[in-house]
């Protein structure tokens, strides 16, 4: 179980928590939020929270994999446009390495901009 799912659920429902701790998974009264001043507001939502089913988790994983492939395809297209002749001369492994290297740069930029 991950507290991040509960955290996202609370924030999506208008409770601006910054953290969630799950005490005993089956005893929702042991689940706490930070700041503690939001506990009373969050508690009814904590009681109502429903963990996703295995089928929902599989659907999420499939969607994430599809999005990851779309992102990598976009990065590959962008890298290829820099120099088509050089791209065409690369082996499959070199192309893969170039795409992942560019993806790392873009990820690092995204992290920097989000912070």
PDB file of N, CA and C in Angstrom:
ATOM      1  N   UNK A   1       0.839  -1.176   0.000  1.00  0.00           N
ATOM      2  CA  UNK A   1       0.000   0.000   0.000  1.00  0.00           C
ATOM      3  C   UNK A   1       0.884   1.239   0.000  1.00  0.00           C
ATOM      4  N   UNK A   2       0.469   2.230  -0.732  1.00  0.00           N
ATOM      5  CA  UNK A   2       1.258   3.445  -0.754  1.00  0.00           C
ATOM      6  C   UNK A   2       0.435   4.630  -0.291  1.00  0.00           C
ATOM      7  N   UNK A   3       1.055   5.432   0.540  1.00  0.00           N
ATOM      8  CA  UNK A   3       0.402   6.636   1.037  1.00  0.00           C
ATOM      9  C   UNK A   3       0.222   7.655  -0.083  1.00  0.00           C
ATOM     10  N   UNK A   4       1.008   7.528  -1.142  1.00  0.00           N
ATOM     11  CA  UNK A   4       0.892   8.498  -2.233  1.00  0.00           C
ATOM     12  C   UNK A   4      -0.485   8.454  -2.885  1.00  0.00           C
ATOM     13  N   UNK A   5      -1.102   7.289  -2.959  1.00  0.00           N
ATOM     14  CA  UNK A   5      -2.462   7.189  -3.508  1.00  0.00           C
ATOM     15  C   UNK A   5      -3.461   7.922  -2.612  1.00  0.00           C
ATOM     16  N   UNK A   6      -3.307   7.751  -1.315  1.00  0.00           N
ATOM     17  CA  UNK A   6      -4.202   8.408  -0.367  1.00  0.00           C
ATOM     18  C   UNK A   6      -3.967   9.923  -0.428  1.00  0.00           C
ATOM     19  N   UNK A   7      -2.718  10.322  -0.491  1.00  0.00           N
ATOM     20  CA  UNK A   7      -2.375  11.744  -0.588  1.00  0.00           C
ATOM     21  C   UNK A   7      -3.030  12.367  -1.824  1.00  0.00           C
ATOM     22  N   UNK A   8      -2.866  11.739  -2.967  1.00  0.00           N
ATOM     23  CA  UNK A   8      -3.460  12.263  -4.203  1.00  0.00           C
ATOM     24  C   UNK A   8      -4.980  12.340  -4.102  1.00  0.00           C
ATOM     25  N   UNK A   9      -5.586  11.348  -3.471  1.00  0.00           N
ATOM     26  CA  UNK A   9      -7.039  11.318  -3.283  1.00  0.00           C
ATOM     27  C   UNK A   9      -7.503  12.500  -2.434  1.00  0.00           C
ATOM     28  N   UNK A  10      -6.784  12.766  -1.345  1.00  0.00           N
ATOM     29  CA  UNK A  10      -7.160  13.871  -0.468  1.00  0.00           C
ATOM     30  C   UNK A  10      -7.025  15.217  -1.176  1.00  0.00           C
ATOM     31  N   UNK A  11      -5.908  15.410  -1.858  1.00  0.00           N
ATOM     32  CA  UNK A  11      -5.682  16.669  -2.567  1.00  0.00           C
ATOM     33  C   UNK A  11      -6.725  16.853  -3.661  1.00  0.00           C
ATOM     34  N   UNK A  12      -7.043  15.790  -4.383  1.00  0.00           N
ATOM     35  CA  UNK A  12      -8.055  15.875  -5.444  1.00  0.00           C
ATOM     36  C   UNK A  12      -9.429  16.216  -4.884  1.00  0.00           C
ATOM     37  N   UNK A  13      -9.649  15.899  -3.620  1.00  0.00           N
ATOM     38  CA  UNK A  13     -10.928  16.198  -2.982  1.00  0.00           C
ATOM     39  C   UNK A  13     -10.880  17.471  -2.134  1.00  0.00           C
ATOM     40  N   UNK A  14      -9.879  18.302  -2.374  1.00  0.00           N
ATOM     41  CA  UNK A  14      -9.834  19.618  -1.763  1.00  0.00           C
ATOM     42  C   UNK A  14      -9.204  19.747  -0.394  1.00  0.00           C
ATOM     43  N   UNK A  15      -8.514  18.708   0.068  1.00  0.00           N
ATOM     44  CA  UNK A  15      -7.831  18.799   1.361  1.00  0.00           C
ATOM     45  C   UNK A  15      -6.331  18.936   1.056  1.00  0.00           C
ATOM     46  N   UNK A  16      -5.767  20.132   1.259  1.00  0.00           N
ATOM     47  CA  UNK A  16      -4.382  20.400   0.837  1.00  0.00           C
ATOM     48  C   UNK A  16      -3.314  19.847   1.780  1.00  0.00           C
ATOM     49  N   UNK A  17      -3.318  18.546   1.960  1.00  0.00           N
ATOM     50  CA  UNK A  17      -2.311  17.915   2.828  1.00  0.00           C
ATOM     51  C   UNK A  17      -0.959  17.916   2.133  1.00  0.00           C
ATOM     52  N   UNK A  18       0.093  17.827   2.928  1.00  0.00           N
ATOM     53  CA  UNK A  18       1.442  17.718   2.371  1.00  0.00           C
ATOM     54  C   UNK A  18       2.040  16.341   2.621  1.00  0.00           C
ATOM     55  N   UNK A  19       1.356  15.546   3.440  1.00  0.00           N
ATOM     56  CA  UNK A  19       1.850  14.206   3.715  1.00  0.00           C
ATOM     57  C   UNK A  19       0.786  13.343   4.351  1.00  0.00           C
ATOM     58  N   UNK A  20       0.949  12.033   4.164  1.00  0.00           N
ATOM     59  CA  UNK A  20       0.024  11.050   4.721  1.00  0.00           C
ATOM     60  C   UNK A  20       0.852   9.914   5.295  1.00  0.00           C
ATOM     61  N   UNK A  21       0.470   9.448   6.477  1.00  0.00           N
ATOM     62  CA  UNK A  21       1.104   8.274   7.076  1.00  0.00           C
ATOM     63  C   UNK A  21       0.020   7.247   7.346  1.00  0.00           C
ATOM     64  N   UNK A  22       0.259   6.022   6.904  1.00  0.00           N
ATOM     65  CA  UNK A  22      -0.695   4.939   7.115  1.00  0.00           C
ATOM     66  C   UNK A  22      -0.182   4.106   8.278  1.00  0.00           C
ATOM     67  N   UNK A  23      -0.912   4.143   9.380  1.00  0.00           N
ATOM     68  CA  UNK A  23      -0.532   3.342  10.544  1.00  0.00           C
ATOM     69  C   UNK A  23      -0.875   1.884  10.280  1.00  0.00           C
ATOM     70  N   UNK A  24      -1.927   1.414  10.901  1.00  0.00           N
ATOM     71  CA  UNK A  24      -2.415   0.058  10.650  1.00  0.00           C
ATOM     72  C   UNK A  24      -3.324   0.124   9.415  1.00  0.00           C
ATOM     73  N   UNK A  25      -2.988  -0.590   8.352  1.00  0.00           N
ATOM     74  CA  UNK A  25      -3.764  -0.474   7.112  1.00  0.00           C
ATOM     75  C   UNK A  25      -5.264  -0.721   7.281  1.00  0.00           C
ATOM     76  N   UNK A  26      -5.636  -1.606   8.200  1.00  0.00           N
ATOM     77  CA  UNK A  26      -7.061  -1.922   8.368  1.00  0.00           C
ATOM     78  C   UNK A  26      -7.768  -1.024   9.377  1.00  0.00           C
ATOM     79  N   UNK A  27      -7.024  -0.147  10.040  1.00  0.00           N
ATOM     80  CA  UNK A  27      -7.612   0.757  11.035  1.00  0.00           C
ATOM     81  C   UNK A  27      -7.388   2.196  10.584  1.00  0.00           C
ATOM     82  N   UNK A  28      -8.391   2.758   9.915  1.00  0.00           N
ATOM     83  CA  UNK A  28      -8.255   4.097   9.336  1.00  0.00           C
ATOM     84  C   UNK A  28      -8.050   5.177  10.395  1.00  0.00           C
ATOM     85  N   UNK A  29      -8.385   4.896  11.640  1.00  0.00           N
ATOM     86  CA  UNK A  29      -8.176   5.902  12.692  1.00  0.00           C
ATOM     87  C   UNK A  29      -6.687   6.108  12.974  1.00  0.00           C
ATOM     88  N   UNK A  30      -5.847   5.184  12.504  1.00  0.00           N
ATOM     89  CA  UNK A  30      -4.402   5.322  12.695  1.00  0.00           C
ATOM     90  C   UNK A  30      -3.725   6.017  11.519  1.00  0.00           C
ATOM     91  N   UNK A  31      -4.484   6.363  10.495  1.00  0.00           N
ATOM     92  CA  UNK A  31      -3.936   7.066   9.344  1.00  0.00           C
ATOM     93  C   UNK A  31      -3.881   8.550   9.699  1.00  0.00           C
ATOM     94  N   UNK A  32      -2.757   9.187   9.486  1.00  0.00           N
ATOM     95  CA  UNK A  32      -2.615  10.596   9.847  1.00  0.00           C
ATOM     96  C   UNK A  32      -2.176  11.416   8.641  1.00  0.00           C
ATOM     97  N   UNK A  33      -2.492  12.698   8.707  1.00  0.00           N
ATOM     98  CA  UNK A  33      -2.103  13.621   7.642  1.00  0.00           C
ATOM     99  C   UNK A  33      -1.267  14.740   8.226  1.00  0.00           C
ATOM    100  N   UNK A  34      -0.512  15.351   7.366  1.00  0.00           N
ATOM    101  CA  UNK A  34       0.260  16.539   7.730  1.00  0.00           C
ATOM    102  C   UNK A  34      -0.182  17.669   6.817  1.00  0.00           C
ATOM    103  N   UNK A  35      -0.419  18.830   7.312  1.00  0.00           N
ATOM    104  CA  UNK A  35      -0.351  19.209   8.707  1.00  0.00           C
ATOM    105  C   UNK A  35      -1.482  18.587   9.520  1.00  0.00           C
ATOM    106  N   UNK A  36      -1.214  18.385  10.788  1.00  0.00           N
ATOM    107  CA  UNK A  36      -2.176  17.727  11.676  1.00  0.00           C
ATOM    108  C   UNK A  36      -3.481  18.516  11.801  1.00  0.00           C
ATOM    109  N   UNK A  37      -3.416  19.811  11.533  1.00  0.00           N
ATOM    110  CA  UNK A  37      -4.619  20.645  11.637  1.00  0.00           C
ATOM    111  C   UNK A  37      -5.681  20.261  10.601  1.00  0.00           C
ATOM    112  N   UNK A  38      -5.297  19.487   9.590  1.00  0.00           N
ATOM    113  CA  UNK A  38      -6.243  19.044   8.561  1.00  0.00           C
ATOM    114  C   UNK A  38      -6.803  17.653   8.825  1.00  0.00           C
ATOM    115  N   UNK A  39      -6.405  17.034   9.946  1.00  0.00           N
ATOM    116  CA  UNK A  39      -6.836  15.655  10.233  1.00  0.00           C
ATOM    117  C   UNK A  39      -8.357  15.541  10.284  1.00  0.00           C
ATOM    118  N   UNK A  40      -9.029  16.477  10.990  1.00  0.00           N
ATOM    119  CA  UNK A  40     -10.488  16.398  11.123  1.00  0.00           C
ATOM    120  C   UNK A  40     -11.173  16.532   9.766  1.00  0.00           C
ATOM    121  N   UNK A  41     -10.643  17.396   8.916  1.00  0.00           N
ATOM    122  CA  UNK A  41     -11.212  17.571   7.579  1.00  0.00           C
ATOM    123  C   UNK A  41     -10.948  16.343   6.699  1.00  0.00           C
ATOM    124  N   UNK A  42      -9.795  15.724   6.877  1.00  0.00           N
ATOM    125  CA  UNK A  42      -9.397  14.590   6.040  1.00  0.00           C
ATOM    126  C   UNK A  42     -10.013  13.270   6.480  1.00  0.00           C
ATOM    127  N   UNK A  43     -10.339  13.127   7.768  1.00  0.00           N
ATOM    128  CA  UNK A  43     -10.764  11.830   8.298  1.00  0.00           C
ATOM    129  C   UNK A  43     -11.964  11.218   7.563  1.00  0.00           C
ATOM    130  N   UNK A  44     -13.021  11.993   7.242  1.00  0.00           N
ATOM    131  CA  UNK A  44     -14.129  11.372   6.506  1.00  0.00           C
ATOM    132  C   UNK A  44     -13.698  10.825   5.133  1.00  0.00           C
ATOM    133  N   UNK A  45     -12.773  11.537   4.506  1.00  0.00           N
ATOM    134  CA  UNK A  45     -12.267  11.051   3.217  1.00  0.00           C
ATOM    135  C   UNK A  45     -11.386   9.818   3.404  1.00  0.00           C
ATOM    136  N   UNK A  46     -10.613   9.798   4.477  1.00  0.00           N
ATOM    137  CA  UNK A  46      -9.793   8.612   4.762  1.00  0.00           C
ATOM    138  C   UNK A  46     -10.688   7.395   4.972  1.00  0.00           C
ATOM    139  N   UNK A  47     -11.788   7.598   5.678  1.00  0.00           N
ATOM    140  CA  UNK A  47     -12.730   6.495   5.913  1.00  0.00           C
ATOM    141  C   UNK A  47     -13.374   6.017   4.617  1.00  0.00           C
ATOM    142  N   UNK A  48     -13.574   6.945   3.671  1.00  0.00           N
ATOM    143  CA  UNK A  48     -14.257   6.603   2.414  1.00  0.00           C
ATOM    144  C   UNK A  48     -13.303   6.091   1.337  1.00  0.00           C
ATOM    145  N   UNK A  49     -11.992   6.233   1.562  1.00  0.00           N
ATOM    146  CA  UNK A  49     -11.019   5.853   0.538  1.00  0.00           C
ATOM    147  C   UNK A  49     -11.127   4.359   0.215  1.00  0.00           C
ATOM    148  N   UNK A  50     -11.105   4.046  -1.076  1.00  0.00           N
ATOM    149  CA  UNK A  50     -11.170   2.656  -1.539  1.00  0.00           C
ATOM    150  C   UNK A  50      -9.905   2.364  -2.343  1.00  0.00           C
ATOM    151  N   UNK A  51      -9.213   1.314  -1.928  1.00  0.00           N
ATOM    152  CA  UNK A  51      -8.006   0.922  -2.666  1.00  0.00           C
ATOM    153  C   UNK A  51      -8.403   0.410  -4.046  1.00  0.00           C
ATOM    154  N   UNK A  52      -7.584   0.677  -5.069  1.00  0.00           N
ATOM    155  CA  UNK A  52      -7.905   0.179  -6.405  1.00  0.00           C
ATOM    156  C   UNK A  52      -7.839  -1.349  -6.457  1.00  0.00           C
ATOM    157  N   UNK A  53      -8.654  -1.907  -7.344  1.00  0.00           N
ATOM    158  CA  UNK A  53      -8.647  -3.356  -7.536  1.00  0.00           C
ATOM    159  C   UNK A  53      -7.427  -3.757  -8.358  1.00  0.00           C
ATOM    160  N   UNK A  54      -7.143  -5.034  -8.396  1.00  0.00           N
ATOM    161  CA  UNK A  54      -6.026  -5.534  -9.203  1.00  0.00           C
ATOM    162  C   UNK A  54      -6.236  -5.183 -10.676  1.00  0.00           C
ATOM    163  N   UNK A  55      -7.459  -5.254 -11.131  1.00  0.00           N
ATOM    164  CA  UNK A  55      -7.756  -4.918 -12.536  1.00  0.00           C
ATOM    165  C   UNK A  55      -7.463  -3.448 -12.818  1.00  0.00           C
ATOM    166  N   UNK A  56      -7.846  -2.565 -11.895  1.00  0.00           N
ATOM    167  CA  UNK A  56      -7.559  -1.139 -12.065  1.00  0.00           C
ATOM    168  C   UNK A  56      -6.057  -0.874 -12.081  1.00  0.00           C
ATOM    169  N   UNK A  57      -5.331  -1.564 -11.221  1.00  0.00           N
ATOM    170  CA  UNK A  57      -3.881  -1.393 -11.186  1.00  0.00           C
ATOM    171  C   UNK A  57      -3.238  -1.845 -12.494  1.00  0.00           C
ATOM    172  N   UNK A  58      -3.730  -2.959 -13.038  1.00  0.00           N
ATOM    173  CA  UNK A  58      -3.207  -3.437 -14.321  1.00  0.00           C
ATOM    174  C   UNK A  58      -3.516  -2.444 -15.437  1.00  0.00           C
ATOM    175  N   UNK A  59      -4.719  -1.876 -15.428  1.00  0.00           N
ATOM    176  CA  UNK A  59      -5.081  -0.875 -16.431  1.00  0.00           C
ATOM    177  C   UNK A  59      -4.178   0.352 -16.326  1.00  0.00           C
ATOM    178  N   UNK A  60      -3.896   0.788 -15.109  1.00  0.00           N
ATOM    179  CA  UNK A  60      -3.005   1.931 -14.898  1.00  0.00           C
ATOM    180  C   UNK A  60      -1.608   1.625 -15.430  1.00  0.00           C
ATOM    181  N   UNK A  61      -1.126   0.438 -15.136  1.00  0.00           N
ATOM    182  CA  UNK A  61       0.213   0.055 -15.587  1.00  0.00           C
ATOM    183  C   UNK A  61       0.274   0.017 -17.108  1.00  0.00           C
ATOM    184  N   UNK A  62      -0.757  -0.512 -17.735  1.00  0.00           N
ATOM    185  CA  UNK A  62      -0.789  -0.568 -19.199  1.00  0.00           C
ATOM    186  C   UNK A  62      -0.818   0.837 -19.783  1.00  0.00           C
ATOM    187  N   UNK A  63      -1.601   1.720 -19.175  1.00  0.00           N
ATOM    188  CA  UNK A  63      -1.658   3.106 -19.645  1.00  0.00           C
ATOM    189  C   UNK A  63      -0.333   3.810 -19.485  1.00  0.00           C
ATOM    190  N   UNK A  64       0.341   3.574 -18.361  1.00  0.00           N
ATOM    191  CA  UNK A  64       1.639   4.198 -18.117  1.00  0.00           C
ATOM    192  C   UNK A  64       2.669   3.700 -19.128  1.00  0.00           C
ATOM    193  N   UNK A  65       2.636   2.422 -19.429  1.00  0.00           N
ATOM    194  CA  UNK A  65       3.561   1.857 -20.415  1.00  0.00           C
ATOM    195  C   UNK A  65       3.311   2.460 -21.784  1.00  0.00           C
ATOM    196  N   UNK A  66       2.060   2.620 -22.142  1.00  0.00           N
ATOM    197  CA  UNK A  66       1.715   3.216 -23.429  1.00  0.00           C
ATOM    198  C   UNK A  66       2.205   4.666 -23.499  1.00  0.00           C
ATOM    199  N   UNK A  67       1.990   5.424 -22.417  1.00  0.00           N
ATOM    200  CA  UNK A  67       2.453   6.821 -22.386  1.00  0.00           C
ATOM    201  C   UNK A  67       3.977   6.886 -22.466  1.00  0.00           C
ATOM    202  N   UNK A  68       4.648   5.960 -21.782  1.00  0.00           N
ATOM    203  CA  UNK A  68       6.116   5.941 -21.819  1.00  0.00           C
ATOM    204  C   UNK A  68       6.605   5.708 -23.245  1.00  0.00           C
ATOM    205  N   UNK A  69       5.957   4.789 -23.951  1.00  0.00           N
ATOM    206  CA  UNK A  69       6.351   4.520 -25.336  1.00  0.00           C
ATOM    207  C   UNK A  69       6.082   5.724 -26.223  1.00  0.00           C
ATOM    208  N   UNK A  70       4.975   6.411 -25.998  1.00  0.00           N
ATOM    209  CA  UNK A  70       4.670   7.610 -26.775  1.00  0.00           C
ATOM    210  C   UNK A  70       5.722   8.691 -26.546  1.00  0.00           C
ATOM    211  N   UNK A  71       6.113   8.857 -25.303  1.00  0.00           N
ATOM    212  CA  UNK A  71       7.127   9.862 -24.973  1.00  0.00           C
ATOM    213  C   UNK A  71       8.454   9.516 -25.629  1.00  0.00           C
ATOM    214  N   UNK A  72       8.847   8.258 -25.534  1.00  0.00           N
ATOM    215  CA  UNK A  72      10.111   7.843 -26.145  1.00  0.00           C
ATOM    216  C   UNK A  72      10.071   7.991 -27.663  1.00  0.00           C
ATOM    217  N   UNK A  73       8.933   7.716 -28.274  1.00  0.00           N
ATOM    218  CA  UNK A  73       8.813   7.891 -29.718  1.00  0.00           C
ATOM    219  C   UNK A  73       8.959   9.363 -30.099  1.00  0.00           C
ATOM    220  N   UNK A  74       8.390  10.248 -29.307  1.00  0.00           N
ATOM    221  CA  UNK A  74       8.512  11.674 -29.562  1.00  0.00           C
ATOM    222  C   UNK A  74       9.956  12.134 -29.421  1.00  0.00           C
ATOM    223  N   UNK A  75      10.634  11.635 -28.405  1.00  0.00           N
ATOM    224  CA  UNK A  75      12.040  11.987 -28.206  1.00  0.00           C
ATOM    225  C   UNK A  75      12.886  11.456 -29.360  1.00  0.00           C
ATOM    226  N   UNK A  76      12.617  10.232 -29.783  1.00  0.00           N
ATOM    227  CA  UNK A  76      13.363   9.662 -30.910  1.00  0.00           C
ATOM    228  C   UNK A  76      13.171  10.510 -32.164  1.00  0.00           C
ATOM    229  N   UNK A  77      11.955  10.949 -32.403  1.00  0.00           N
ATOM    230  CA  UNK A  77      11.665  11.791 -33.558  1.00  0.00           C
ATOM    231  C   UNK A  77      12.442  13.101 -33.478  1.00  0.00           C
ATOM    232  N   UNK A  78      12.480  13.712 -32.280  1.00  0.00           N
ATOM    233  CA  UNK A  78      13.196  14.972 -32.105  1.00  0.00           C
ATOM    234  C   UNK A  78      14.705  14.791 -32.297  1.00  0.00           C
ATOM    235  N   UNK A  79      15.256  13.720 -31.761  1.00  0.00           N
ATOM    236  CA  UNK A  79      16.685  13.457 -31.910  1.00  0.00           C
ATOM    237  C   UNK A  79      17.012  13.202 -33.374  1.00  0.00           C
ATOM    238  N   UNK A  80      16.161  12.467 -34.047  1.00  0.00           N
ATOM    239  CA  UNK A  80      16.398  12.128 -35.456  1.00  0.00           C
ATOM    240  C   UNK A  80      16.398  13.371 -36.333  1.00  0.00           C
ATOM    241  N   UNK A  81      15.548  14.335 -36.027  1.00  0.00           N
ATOM    242  CA  UNK A  81      15.462  15.544 -36.834  1.00  0.00           C
ATOM    243  C   UNK A  81      16.724  16.391 -36.776  1.00  0.00           C
ATOM    244  N   UNK A  82      17.528  16.203 -35.776  1.00  0.00           N
ATOM    245  CA  UNK A  82      18.775  16.980 -35.673  1.00  0.00           C
ATOM    246  C   UNK A  82      19.700  16.693 -36.843  1.00  0.00           C
ATOM    247  N   UNK A  83      19.815  15.448 -37.183  1.00  0.00           N
ATOM    248  CA  UNK A  83      20.707  15.057 -38.280  1.00  0.00           C
ATOM    249  C   UNK A  83      20.265  13.684 -38.787  1.00  0.00           C
ATOM    250  N   UNK A  84      19.413  13.702 -39.779  1.00  0.00           N
ATOM    251  CA  UNK A  84      18.817  12.464 -40.284  1.00  0.00           C
ATOM    252  C   UNK A  84      19.881  11.491 -40.789  1.00  0.00           C
ATOM    253  N   UNK A  85      20.877  11.992 -41.490  1.00  0.00           N
ATOM    254  CA  UNK A  85      21.914  11.102 -42.032  1.00  0.00           C
ATOM    255  C   UNK A  85      22.670  10.410 -40.902  1.00  0.00           C
ATOM    256  N   UNK A  86      23.025  11.153 -39.877  1.00  0.00           N
ATOM    257  CA  UNK A  86      23.744  10.557 -38.747  1.00  0.00           C
ATOM    258  C   UNK A  86      22.847   9.554 -38.023  1.00  0.00           C
ATOM    259  N   UNK A  87      21.566   9.900 -37.861  1.00  0.00           N
ATOM    260  CA  UNK A  87      20.613   8.995 -37.205  1.00  0.00           C
ATOM    261  C   UNK A  87      20.522   7.682 -37.963  1.00  0.00           C
ATOM    262  N   UNK A  88      20.406   7.764 -39.274  1.00  0.00           N
ATOM    263  CA  UNK A  88      20.268   6.561 -40.097  1.00  0.00           C
ATOM    264  C   UNK A  88      21.513   5.686 -40.042  1.00  0.00           C
ATOM    265  N   UNK A  89      22.666   6.283 -39.720  1.00  0.00           N
ATOM    266  CA  UNK A  89      23.917   5.522 -39.654  1.00  0.00           C
ATOM    267  C   UNK A  89      24.085   4.790 -38.316  1.00  0.00           C
ATOM    268  N   UNK A  90      23.262   5.131 -37.332  1.00  0.00           N
ATOM    269  CA  UNK A  90      23.388   4.505 -36.014  1.00  0.00           C
ATOM    270  C   UNK A  90      22.799   3.094 -36.008  1.00  0.00           C
ATOM    271  N   UNK A  91      23.375   2.264 -35.143  1.00  0.00           N
ATOM    272  CA  UNK A  91      22.794   0.939 -34.930  1.00  0.00           C
ATOM    273  C   UNK A  91      21.555   1.096 -34.044  1.00  0.00           C
ATOM    274  N   UNK A  92      20.765   0.047 -33.940  1.00  0.00           N
ATOM    275  CA  UNK A  92      19.574   0.090 -33.103  1.00  0.00           C
ATOM    276  C   UNK A  92      19.937   0.401 -31.639  1.00  0.00           C
ATOM    277  N   UNK A  93      21.005  -0.215 -31.160  1.00  0.00           N
ATOM    278  CA  UNK A  93      21.428   0.039 -29.777  1.00  0.00           C
ATOM    279  C   UNK A  93      21.889   1.479 -29.579  1.00  0.00           C
ATOM    280  N   UNK A  94      22.578   2.045 -30.569  1.00  0.00           N
ATOM    281  CA  UNK A  94      23.016   3.435 -30.477  1.00  0.00           C
ATOM    282  C   UNK A  94      21.815   4.386 -30.506  1.00  0.00           C
ATOM    283  N   UNK A  95      20.822   4.073 -31.324  1.00  0.00           N
ATOM    284  CA  UNK A  95      19.610   4.894 -31.375  1.00  0.00           C
ATOM    285  C   UNK A  95      18.904   4.858 -30.029  1.00  0.00           C
ATOM    286  N   UNK A  96      18.806   3.673 -29.468  1.00  0.00           N
ATOM    287  CA  UNK A  96      18.162   3.523 -28.161  1.00  0.00           C
ATOM    288  C   UNK A  96      18.909   4.333 -27.104  1.00  0.00           C
ATOM    289  N   UNK A  97      20.223   4.254 -27.093  1.00  0.00           N
ATOM    290  CA  UNK A  97      21.029   4.998 -26.125  1.00  0.00           C
ATOM    291  C   UNK A  97      20.847   6.510 -26.317  1.00  0.00           C
ATOM    292  N   UNK A  98      20.778   6.958 -27.555  1.00  0.00           N
ATOM    293  CA  UNK A  98      20.594   8.386 -27.832  1.00  0.00           C
ATOM    294  C   UNK A  98      19.237   8.872 -27.340  1.00  0.00           C
ATOM    295  N   UNK A  99      18.225   8.065 -27.542  1.00  0.00           N
ATOM    296  CA  UNK A  99      16.883   8.441 -27.102  1.00  0.00           C
ATOM    297  C   UNK A  99      16.828   8.512 -25.576  1.00  0.00           C
ATOM    298  N   UNK A 100      17.382   7.514 -24.901  1.00  0.00           N
ATOM    299  CA  UNK A 100      17.361   7.520 -23.442  1.00  0.00           C
ATOM    300  C   UNK A 100      18.209   8.659 -22.867  1.00  0.00           C
ATOM    301  N   UNK A 101      19.316   8.986 -23.515  1.00  0.00           N
ATOM    302  CA  UNK A 101      20.140  10.108 -23.062  1.00  0.00           C
ATOM    303  C   UNK A 101      19.352  11.409 -23.167  1.00  0.00           C
ATOM    304  N   UNK A 102      18.642  11.595 -24.276  1.00  0.00           N
ATOM    305  CA  UNK A 102      17.830  12.797 -24.445  1.00  0.00           C
ATOM    306  C   UNK A 102      16.670  12.811 -23.449  1.00  0.00           C
ATOM    307  N   UNK A 103      16.076  11.658 -23.215  1.00  0.00           N
ATOM    308  CA  UNK A 103      14.971  11.569 -22.251  1.00  0.00           C
ATOM    309  C   UNK A 103      15.450  11.967 -20.859  1.00  0.00           C
ATOM    310  N   UNK A 104      16.664  11.567 -20.490  1.00  0.00           N
ATOM    311  CA  UNK A 104      17.212  11.936 -19.188  1.00  0.00           C
ATOM    312  C   UNK A 104      17.381  13.448 -19.073  1.00  0.00           C
ATOM    313  N   UNK A 105      17.844  14.071 -20.150  1.00  0.00           N
ATOM    314  CA  UNK A 105      18.007  15.528 -20.152  1.00  0.00           C
ATOM    315  C   UNK A 105      16.653  16.199 -19.983  1.00  0.00           C
ATOM    316  N   UNK A 106      15.656  15.743 -20.741  1.00  0.00           N
ATOM    317  CA  UNK A 106      14.327  16.343 -20.655  1.00  0.00           C
ATOM    318  C   UNK A 106      13.712  16.117 -19.279  1.00  0.00           C
ATOM    319  N   UNK A 107      13.918  14.924 -18.702  1.00  0.00           N
ATOM    320  CA  UNK A 107      13.402  14.645 -17.360  1.00  0.00           C
ATOM    321  C   UNK A 107      14.044  15.572 -16.332  1.00  0.00           C
ATOM    322  N   UNK A 108      15.370  15.745 -16.429  1.00  0.00           N
ATOM    323  CA  UNK A 108      16.069  16.613 -15.491  1.00  0.00           C
ATOM    324  C   UNK A 108      15.593  18.059 -15.606  1.00  0.00           C
ATOM    325  N   UNK A 109      15.336  18.502 -16.829  1.00  0.00           N
ATOM    326  CA  UNK A 109      14.800  19.852 -17.023  1.00  0.00           C
ATOM    327  C   UNK A 109      13.414  19.976 -16.397  1.00  0.00           C
ATOM    328  N   UNK A 110      12.599  18.953 -16.572  1.00  0.00           N
ATOM    329  CA  UNK A 110      11.248  18.969 -16.000  1.00  0.00           C
ATOM    330  C   UNK A 110      11.310  19.023 -14.471  1.00  0.00           C
ATOM    331  N   UNK A 111      12.192  18.239 -13.882  1.00  0.00           N
ATOM    332  CA  UNK A 111      12.357  18.244 -12.422  1.00  0.00           C
ATOM    333  C   UNK A 111      12.802  19.621 -11.954  1.00  0.00           C
ATOM    334  N   UNK A 112      13.755  20.214 -12.687  1.00  0.00           N
ATOM    335  CA  UNK A 112      14.254  21.545 -12.334  1.00  0.00           C
ATOM    336  C   UNK A 112      13.121  22.572 -12.412  1.00  0.00           C
ATOM    337  N   UNK A 113      12.324  22.526 -13.463  1.00  0.00           N
ATOM    338  CA  UNK A 113      11.236  23.499 -13.627  1.00  0.00           C
ATOM    339  C   UNK A 113      10.132  23.296 -12.609  1.00  0.00           C
ATOM    340  N   UNK A 114       9.901  22.055 -12.198  1.00  0.00           N
ATOM    341  CA  UNK A 114       8.855  21.766 -11.217  1.00  0.00           C
ATOM    342  C   UNK A 114       9.260  22.122  -9.789  1.00  0.00           C
ATOM    343  N   UNK A 115      10.570  22.276  -9.560  1.00  0.00           N
ATOM    344  CA  UNK A 115      11.014  22.551  -8.181  1.00  0.00           C
ATOM    345  C   UNK A 115      11.000  24.028  -7.866  1.00  0.00           C
TER     346      UNK A 115
END
